[in-house]
Amino acid sequence: MLNTIHLQTFLAVVELGTYSAAAAHLHMTQPAVSQHIRQLESQLDGVKLFRRSRQQMELTHAGEELAGVAREMLALGARAEESIRSLRGQIAGRVVVGCTPSSGERLLPPALASFRQRFPAIQVAVVLAPLETLGEWLASQQVQVVLAEEVQRRRGLESYALGAERLGLLAQRGHALLGQEQAPPGVLKGQPFVLPRAGTPLRRVIEEGLRRCGVGTSDLVVALETDGMSLMVQAVRAGVGLAFLPQLRLPRGRDTGVVDLAGMHLQQEWHIMRSRERGAPRAVQELWSFLCGQDARKLFAKEGLLPLTE
């Protein structure tokens, strides 16, 4: 019988790509992760599950076969535990929530704290990844719920809009644009900018908003690209350039200010997604219902989310 701990370690390496990343995620040492994989391979008559490719561990054919089976085995174990606990009137289980780096770290904690008060036996794990990766993980059930700025258009997925957050244009204190009231968007042409990485949802929102006001990306000077919100703020403080940021990410200090732009109202949307497959574990159903409910809506409103109609 395969050891479930070894299978969990194996899947952590599959999802994170390296032994060291899996060790950090599982709060283990790297030698312990290596030992678990060796013991698992030994149980399978010495078959190799991974091959090294550059800095990543890639699955062999045998590893690919085991990955699907391992997920099914662990899911069955979770459902069995959930069923036994439900006999005592306690809803239990584990839900893996995937989110983009800019969303989960601010929006999820208040909601999860409230959710845990209601369902203390449900364990929630949060993983961060780019939107495209999260869509793949959701399709393969490596995550059960995804929080992101943009809906993935994939068959078999359902989504729910949590709300939207306005963006503000941050500038270093003393910047000429801070002295203007209702500055026309055209003044942004030729200005250096700190922008999210090309192809990300926030970058698309910014580019579309600028285009509507007659400003193309080619009209800007892209001084720095990064997905790190904190790095964007620090870059503005250092004078690297201007940056569009969600309202609650705008710092309240003397070294920066928000530019007053006329007629430019950019909003970043937030959505949650899950698989439409029937028979989802009760823990997943409860978390989804909570995030779509009125109590969570009030919590998100406190974090700055507005109805999408605004």
Protein backbone atom coordinates (compact mmCIF):
# COMPACT_ATOMS: atom_id res chain seq x y z
CA MET A 1 0.00 0.00 0.00
CA LEU A 2 1.42 3.37 -0.98
CA ASN A 3 2.19 5.75 1.86
CA THR A 4 -0.08 8.82 1.73
CA ILE A 5 2.66 11.03 3.21
CA HIS A 6 4.97 9.98 0.39
CA LEU A 7 2.22 10.73 -2.14
CA GLN A 8 1.69 14.19 -0.67
CA THR A 9 5.42 14.86 -0.93
CA PHE A 10 5.45 13.55 -4.51
CA LEU A 11 2.59 15.86 -5.54
CA ALA A 12 4.27 18.84 -3.85
CA VAL A 13 7.34 18.28 -6.04
CA VAL A 14 5.09 17.89 -9.10
CA GLU A 15 3.27 21.16 -8.41
CA LEU A 16 6.26 23.25 -7.26
CA GLY A 17 8.90 21.88 -9.59
CA THR A 18 11.82 21.35 -7.20
CA TYR A 19 12.67 19.39 -4.06
CA SER A 20 13.68 22.58 -2.26
CA ALA A 21 10.39 24.34 -3.02
CA ALA A 22 8.43 21.28 -1.94
CA ALA A 23 10.47 21.07 1.28
CA ALA A 24 9.71 24.72 2.11
CA HIS A 25 6.01 24.24 1.32
CA LEU A 26 5.76 21.10 3.47
CA HIS A 27 7.98 22.49 6.28
CA MET A 28 10.45 19.64 5.74
CA THR A 29 14.14 19.41 4.94
CA GLN A 30 15.21 18.77 1.37
CA PRO A 31 16.89 15.45 2.31
CA ALA A 32 13.58 14.31 3.85
CA VAL A 33 11.76 15.11 0.59
CA SER A 34 14.39 13.20 -1.38
CA GLN A 35 14.04 10.24 0.97
CA HIS A 36 10.25 10.18 0.56
CA ILE A 37 10.60 10.11 -3.22
CA ARG A 38 13.22 7.33 -3.07
CA GLN A 39 11.01 5.27 -0.76
CA LEU A 40 8.05 5.77 -3.08
CA GLU A 41 10.12 4.70 -6.09
CA SER A 42 11.31 1.67 -4.12
CA GLN A 43 7.69 0.66 -3.42
CA LEU A 44 7.09 0.86 -7.17
CA ASP A 45 9.88 -1.61 -7.99
CA GLY A 46 12.53 1.05 -8.46
CA VAL A 47 10.80 2.97 -11.25
CA LYS A 48 12.00 6.56 -11.68
CA LEU A 49 9.31 9.19 -11.16
CA PHE A 50 11.32 12.32 -12.06
CA ARG A 51 14.09 13.40 -14.39
CA ARG A 52 16.02 16.62 -13.93
CA SER A 53 15.69 19.25 -16.66
CA ARG A 54 17.76 22.36 -15.99
CA GLN A 55 16.57 23.56 -12.57
CA GLN A 56 13.19 21.77 -12.64
CA MET A 57 12.13 18.21 -11.88
CA GLU A 58 10.06 16.82 -14.78
CA LEU A 59 7.83 13.78 -14.56
CA THR A 60 8.73 10.60 -16.34
CA HIS A 61 5.96 8.63 -18.04
CA ALA A 62 5.57 6.58 -14.86
CA GLY A 63 5.45 9.78 -12.82
CA GLU A 64 2.68 11.19 -14.99
CA GLU A 65 0.65 8.02 -14.47
CA LEU A 66 1.18 8.15 -10.71
CA ALA A 67 0.28 11.85 -10.43
CA GLY A 68 -3.32 11.30 -11.50
CA VAL A 69 -3.72 8.22 -9.31
CA ALA A 70 -2.13 9.99 -6.32
CA ARG A 71 -4.57 12.89 -6.56
CA GLU A 72 -7.48 10.45 -6.68
CA MET A 73 -6.19 8.48 -3.68
CA LEU A 74 -5.66 11.59 -1.56
CA ALA A 75 -9.06 12.96 -2.59
CA LEU A 76 -10.71 9.69 -1.57
CA GLY A 77 -8.91 9.81 1.75
CA ALA A 78 -10.09 13.38 2.33
CA ARG A 79 -13.68 12.43 1.50
CA ALA A 80 -13.49 9.47 3.85
CA GLU A 81 -12.27 11.72 6.66
CA GLU A 82 -14.98 14.22 5.82
CA SER A 83 -17.67 11.54 5.95
CA ILE A 84 -16.55 10.21 9.33
CA ARG A 85 -16.38 13.68 10.84
CA SER A 86 -19.83 14.49 9.46
CA LEU A 87 -21.22 11.65 11.56
CA ARG A 88 -20.32 13.79 14.56
CA GLY A 89 -21.94 16.85 13.01
CA GLN A 90 -18.59 18.43 12.11
CA ILE A 91 -17.78 19.51 8.56
CA ALA A 92 -14.13 18.87 7.81
CA GLY A 93 -11.78 18.61 4.88
CA ARG A 94 -9.08 20.48 3.03
CA VAL A 95 -9.50 23.13 0.33
CA VAL A 96 -6.64 24.46 -1.75
CA VAL A 97 -7.25 28.04 -2.91
CA GLY A 98 -5.16 29.42 -5.74
CA CYS A 99 -4.72 33.14 -6.25
CA THR A 100 -2.58 35.59 -8.13
CA PRO A 101 0.14 37.29 -6.06
CA SER A 102 -1.63 40.65 -6.02
CA SER A 103 -5.01 39.32 -4.89
CA GLY A 104 -4.78 36.71 -2.18
CA GLU A 105 -2.38 38.34 0.22
CA ARG A 106 -4.79 41.22 0.86
CA LEU A 107 -8.30 39.99 0.10
CA LEU A 108 -8.27 36.46 1.47
CA PRO A 109 -7.10 36.72 5.13
CA PRO A 110 -10.16 38.58 6.54
CA ALA A 111 -12.56 36.28 4.71
CA LEU A 112 -10.71 33.11 5.70
CA ALA A 113 -10.57 34.21 9.34
CA SER A 114 -14.35 34.60 9.37
CA PHE A 115 -14.82 31.31 7.52
CA ARG A 116 -12.64 29.45 10.03
CA GLN A 117 -14.80 30.67 12.92
CA ARG A 118 -17.72 28.84 11.33
CA PHE A 119 -15.85 25.75 10.14
CA PRO A 120 -12.82 25.21 12.39
CA ALA A 121 -12.25 21.66 11.08
CA ILE A 122 -11.85 22.77 7.45
CA GLN A 123 -8.21 23.36 6.54
CA VAL A 124 -7.55 25.94 3.83
CA ALA A 125 -4.25 26.08 1.94
CA VAL A 126 -3.39 29.08 -0.26
CA VAL A 127 -0.98 28.87 -3.20
CA LEU A 128 0.20 31.77 -5.36
CA ALA A 129 0.74 31.50 -9.12
CA PRO A 130 0.17 33.39 -12.39
CA LEU A 131 -3.38 33.31 -13.74
CA GLU A 132 -2.57 30.90 -16.59
CA THR A 133 -1.03 28.40 -14.16
CA LEU A 134 -3.99 28.68 -11.80
CA GLY A 135 -6.35 27.84 -14.66
CA GLU A 136 -4.39 24.67 -15.39
CA TRP A 137 -4.30 23.70 -11.72
CA LEU A 138 -8.04 24.26 -11.42
CA ALA A 139 -8.72 22.06 -14.45
CA SER A 140 -6.57 19.27 -12.95
CA GLN A 141 -8.05 19.80 -9.45
CA GLN A 142 -4.70 20.69 -7.92
CA VAL A 143 -6.65 23.67 -6.55
CA GLN A 144 -10.39 23.74 -5.92
CA VAL A 145 -11.09 27.49 -5.85
CA VAL A 146 -9.25 30.32 -7.62
CA LEU A 147 -9.30 34.03 -6.78
CA ALA A 148 -8.05 36.23 -9.61
CA GLU A 149 -8.48 39.53 -11.41
CA GLU A 150 -9.78 37.94 -14.59
CA VAL A 151 -12.05 34.99 -15.47
CA GLN A 152 -10.44 32.05 -17.23
CA ARG A 153 -12.53 31.13 -20.30
CA ARG A 154 -12.37 27.37 -19.96
CA ARG A 155 -15.09 24.78 -20.37
CA GLY A 156 -16.31 23.25 -17.15
CA LEU A 157 -15.56 26.28 -14.98
CA GLU A 158 -18.00 28.58 -13.23
CA SER A 159 -17.19 32.01 -11.88
CA TYR A 160 -18.60 34.60 -9.51
CA ALA A 161 -17.77 38.30 -9.52
CA LEU A 162 -16.73 39.56 -6.08
CA GLY A 163 -16.41 43.21 -7.09
CA ALA A 164 -14.00 45.77 -8.44
CA GLU A 165 -11.39 48.12 -7.04
CA ARG A 166 -10.48 51.52 -8.43
CA LEU A 167 -6.91 52.24 -9.46
CA GLY A 168 -5.02 55.41 -8.61
CA LEU A 169 -1.95 56.89 -10.30
CA LEU A 170 0.90 57.12 -7.79
CA ALA A 171 3.68 59.68 -8.22
CA GLN A 172 6.76 60.68 -6.26
CA ARG A 173 6.23 63.77 -4.08
CA GLY A 174 7.20 66.86 -6.02
CA HIS A 175 6.19 65.44 -9.40
CA ALA A 176 4.81 68.13 -11.72
CA LEU A 177 1.52 66.27 -12.27
CA LEU A 178 0.65 66.39 -8.55
CA GLY A 179 0.22 70.14 -8.82
CA GLN A 180 -2.48 69.86 -11.50
CA GLU A 181 -6.21 69.50 -10.88
CA GLN A 182 -8.05 67.28 -13.37
CA ALA A 183 -4.98 66.76 -15.53
CA PRO A 184 -5.92 65.50 -19.02
CA PRO A 185 -4.75 61.92 -19.76
CA GLY A 186 -2.70 63.22 -22.67
CA VAL A 187 -0.11 64.55 -20.21
CA LEU A 188 0.91 60.94 -19.55
CA LYS A 189 2.53 60.67 -22.98
CA GLY A 190 6.27 60.51 -22.64
CA GLN A 191 6.14 59.90 -18.89
CA PRO A 192 8.22 57.04 -17.41
CA PHE A 193 6.04 54.29 -15.91
CA VAL A 194 6.39 51.36 -13.56
CA LEU A 195 4.01 48.77 -15.02
CA PRO A 196 2.89 45.21 -14.27
CA ARG A 197 4.41 42.54 -16.47
CA ALA A 198 3.00 42.46 -20.02
CA GLY A 199 0.12 40.00 -20.42
CA THR A 200 -1.04 40.14 -16.80
CA PRO A 201 -4.66 41.10 -16.02
CA LEU A 202 -3.69 44.38 -14.33
CA ARG A 203 -1.49 45.36 -17.29
CA ARG A 204 -4.41 44.71 -19.66
CA VAL A 205 -6.74 46.88 -17.52
CA ILE A 206 -4.23 49.74 -17.58
CA GLU A 207 -3.56 49.47 -21.31
CA GLU A 208 -7.26 49.36 -22.18
CA GLY A 209 -8.02 52.33 -19.92
CA LEU A 210 -5.23 54.37 -21.52
CA ARG A 211 -6.40 53.45 -25.03
CA ARG A 212 -9.91 54.68 -24.24
CA CYS A 213 -8.36 58.04 -23.36
CA GLY A 214 -6.24 58.19 -26.49
CA VAL A 215 -2.96 57.12 -24.89
CA GLY A 216 -1.21 54.04 -26.27
CA THR A 217 1.42 51.97 -24.48
CA SER A 218 3.91 53.14 -27.10
CA ASP A 219 3.30 56.69 -25.86
CA LEU A 220 4.74 55.78 -22.44
CA VAL A 221 8.29 55.16 -21.36
CA VAL A 222 8.29 51.74 -19.66
CA ALA A 223 10.97 52.26 -17.03
CA LEU A 224 10.31 49.09 -15.04
CA GLU A 225 8.08 46.00 -15.26
CA THR A 226 7.25 43.97 -12.15
CA ASP A 227 4.38 42.00 -10.62
CA GLY A 228 5.41 43.00 -7.10
CA MET A 229 3.11 45.66 -5.67
CA SER A 230 5.56 46.61 -2.93
CA LEU A 231 8.34 46.95 -5.49
CA MET A 232 6.13 49.21 -7.60
CA VAL A 233 5.55 51.51 -4.64
CA GLN A 234 9.25 51.61 -3.77
CA ALA A 235 10.13 52.33 -7.40
CA VAL A 236 7.76 55.30 -7.44
CA ARG A 237 9.26 56.58 -4.19
CA ALA A 238 12.71 56.33 -5.76
CA GLY A 239 11.59 58.38 -8.76
CA VAL A 240 11.68 55.56 -11.32
CA GLY A 241 8.27 56.53 -12.71
CA LEU A 242 4.51 56.68 -12.23
CA ALA A 243 2.43 53.59 -11.37
CA PHE A 244 -1.25 52.64 -11.45
CA LEU A 245 -2.09 50.76 -8.23
CA PRO A 246 -5.26 49.50 -6.50
CA GLN A 247 -6.64 52.09 -4.08
CA LEU A 248 -5.77 50.20 -0.90
CA ARG A 249 -2.22 49.62 -2.16
CA LEU A 250 -1.64 53.36 -2.42
CA PRO A 251 0.67 54.41 0.44
CA ARG A 252 -0.32 57.13 2.84
CA GLY A 253 2.89 59.07 3.27
CA ARG A 254 4.62 62.34 2.58
CA ASP A 255 6.91 60.94 -0.10
CA THR A 256 4.18 60.12 -2.65
CA GLY A 257 0.89 61.49 -3.94
CA VAL A 258 -2.00 60.50 -6.23
CA VAL A 259 -2.39 62.26 -9.57
CA ASP A 260 -5.82 63.76 -10.26
CA LEU A 261 -6.66 62.63 -13.81
CA ALA A 262 -9.72 63.93 -15.65
CA GLY A 263 -12.10 61.35 -17.09
CA MET A 264 -9.95 58.28 -16.37
CA HIS A 265 -11.65 55.77 -14.05
CA LEU A 266 -9.78 52.47 -14.07
CA GLN A 267 -11.14 49.47 -12.16
CA GLN A 268 -9.58 46.10 -11.45
CA GLU A 269 -12.11 43.28 -11.12
CA TRP A 270 -11.95 40.31 -8.75
CA HIS A 271 -13.53 36.92 -9.45
CA ILE A 272 -13.58 33.47 -7.92
CA MET A 273 -13.72 30.31 -10.03
CA ARG A 274 -14.27 26.61 -9.50
CA SER A 275 -14.97 23.45 -11.48
CA ARG A 276 -18.59 22.68 -12.40
CA GLU A 277 -18.06 18.97 -11.69
CA ARG A 278 -20.67 17.42 -9.45
CA GLY A 279 -19.78 15.76 -6.20
CA ALA A 280 -17.38 18.39 -4.90
CA PRO A 281 -16.35 17.77 -1.28
CA ARG A 282 -18.53 19.44 1.31
CA ALA A 283 -15.61 21.59 2.46
CA VAL A 284 -15.25 23.06 -1.05
CA GLN A 285 -18.98 23.69 -1.29
CA GLU A 286 -19.05 25.49 2.05
CA LEU A 287 -16.09 27.73 1.20
CA TRP A 288 -17.59 28.61 -2.19
CA SER A 289 -20.97 29.41 -0.63
CA PHE A 290 -19.32 31.58 2.00
CA LEU A 291 -17.23 33.56 -0.51
CA CYS A 292 -20.34 34.17 -2.64
CA GLY A 293 -22.47 35.16 0.37
CA GLN A 294 -23.43 38.45 1.97
CA ASP A 295 -21.06 38.18 4.93
CA ALA A 296 -18.03 37.82 2.66
CA ARG A 297 -19.33 40.64 0.45
CA LYS A 298 -19.33 42.94 3.48
CA LEU A 299 -15.78 41.91 4.35
CA PHE A 300 -14.59 42.53 0.79
CA ALA A 301 -16.33 45.92 0.81
CA LYS A 302 -14.25 46.86 3.85
CA GLU A 303 -11.18 45.98 1.80
CA GLY A 304 -12.24 48.45 -0.89
CA LEU A 305 -14.20 46.31 -3.35
CA LEU A 306 -17.12 47.98 -5.14
CA PRO A 307 -20.04 46.41 -7.04
CA LEU A 308 -19.03 45.88 -10.67
CA THR A 309 -21.90 48.11 -11.78
CA GLU A 310 -20.20 51.17 -10.28
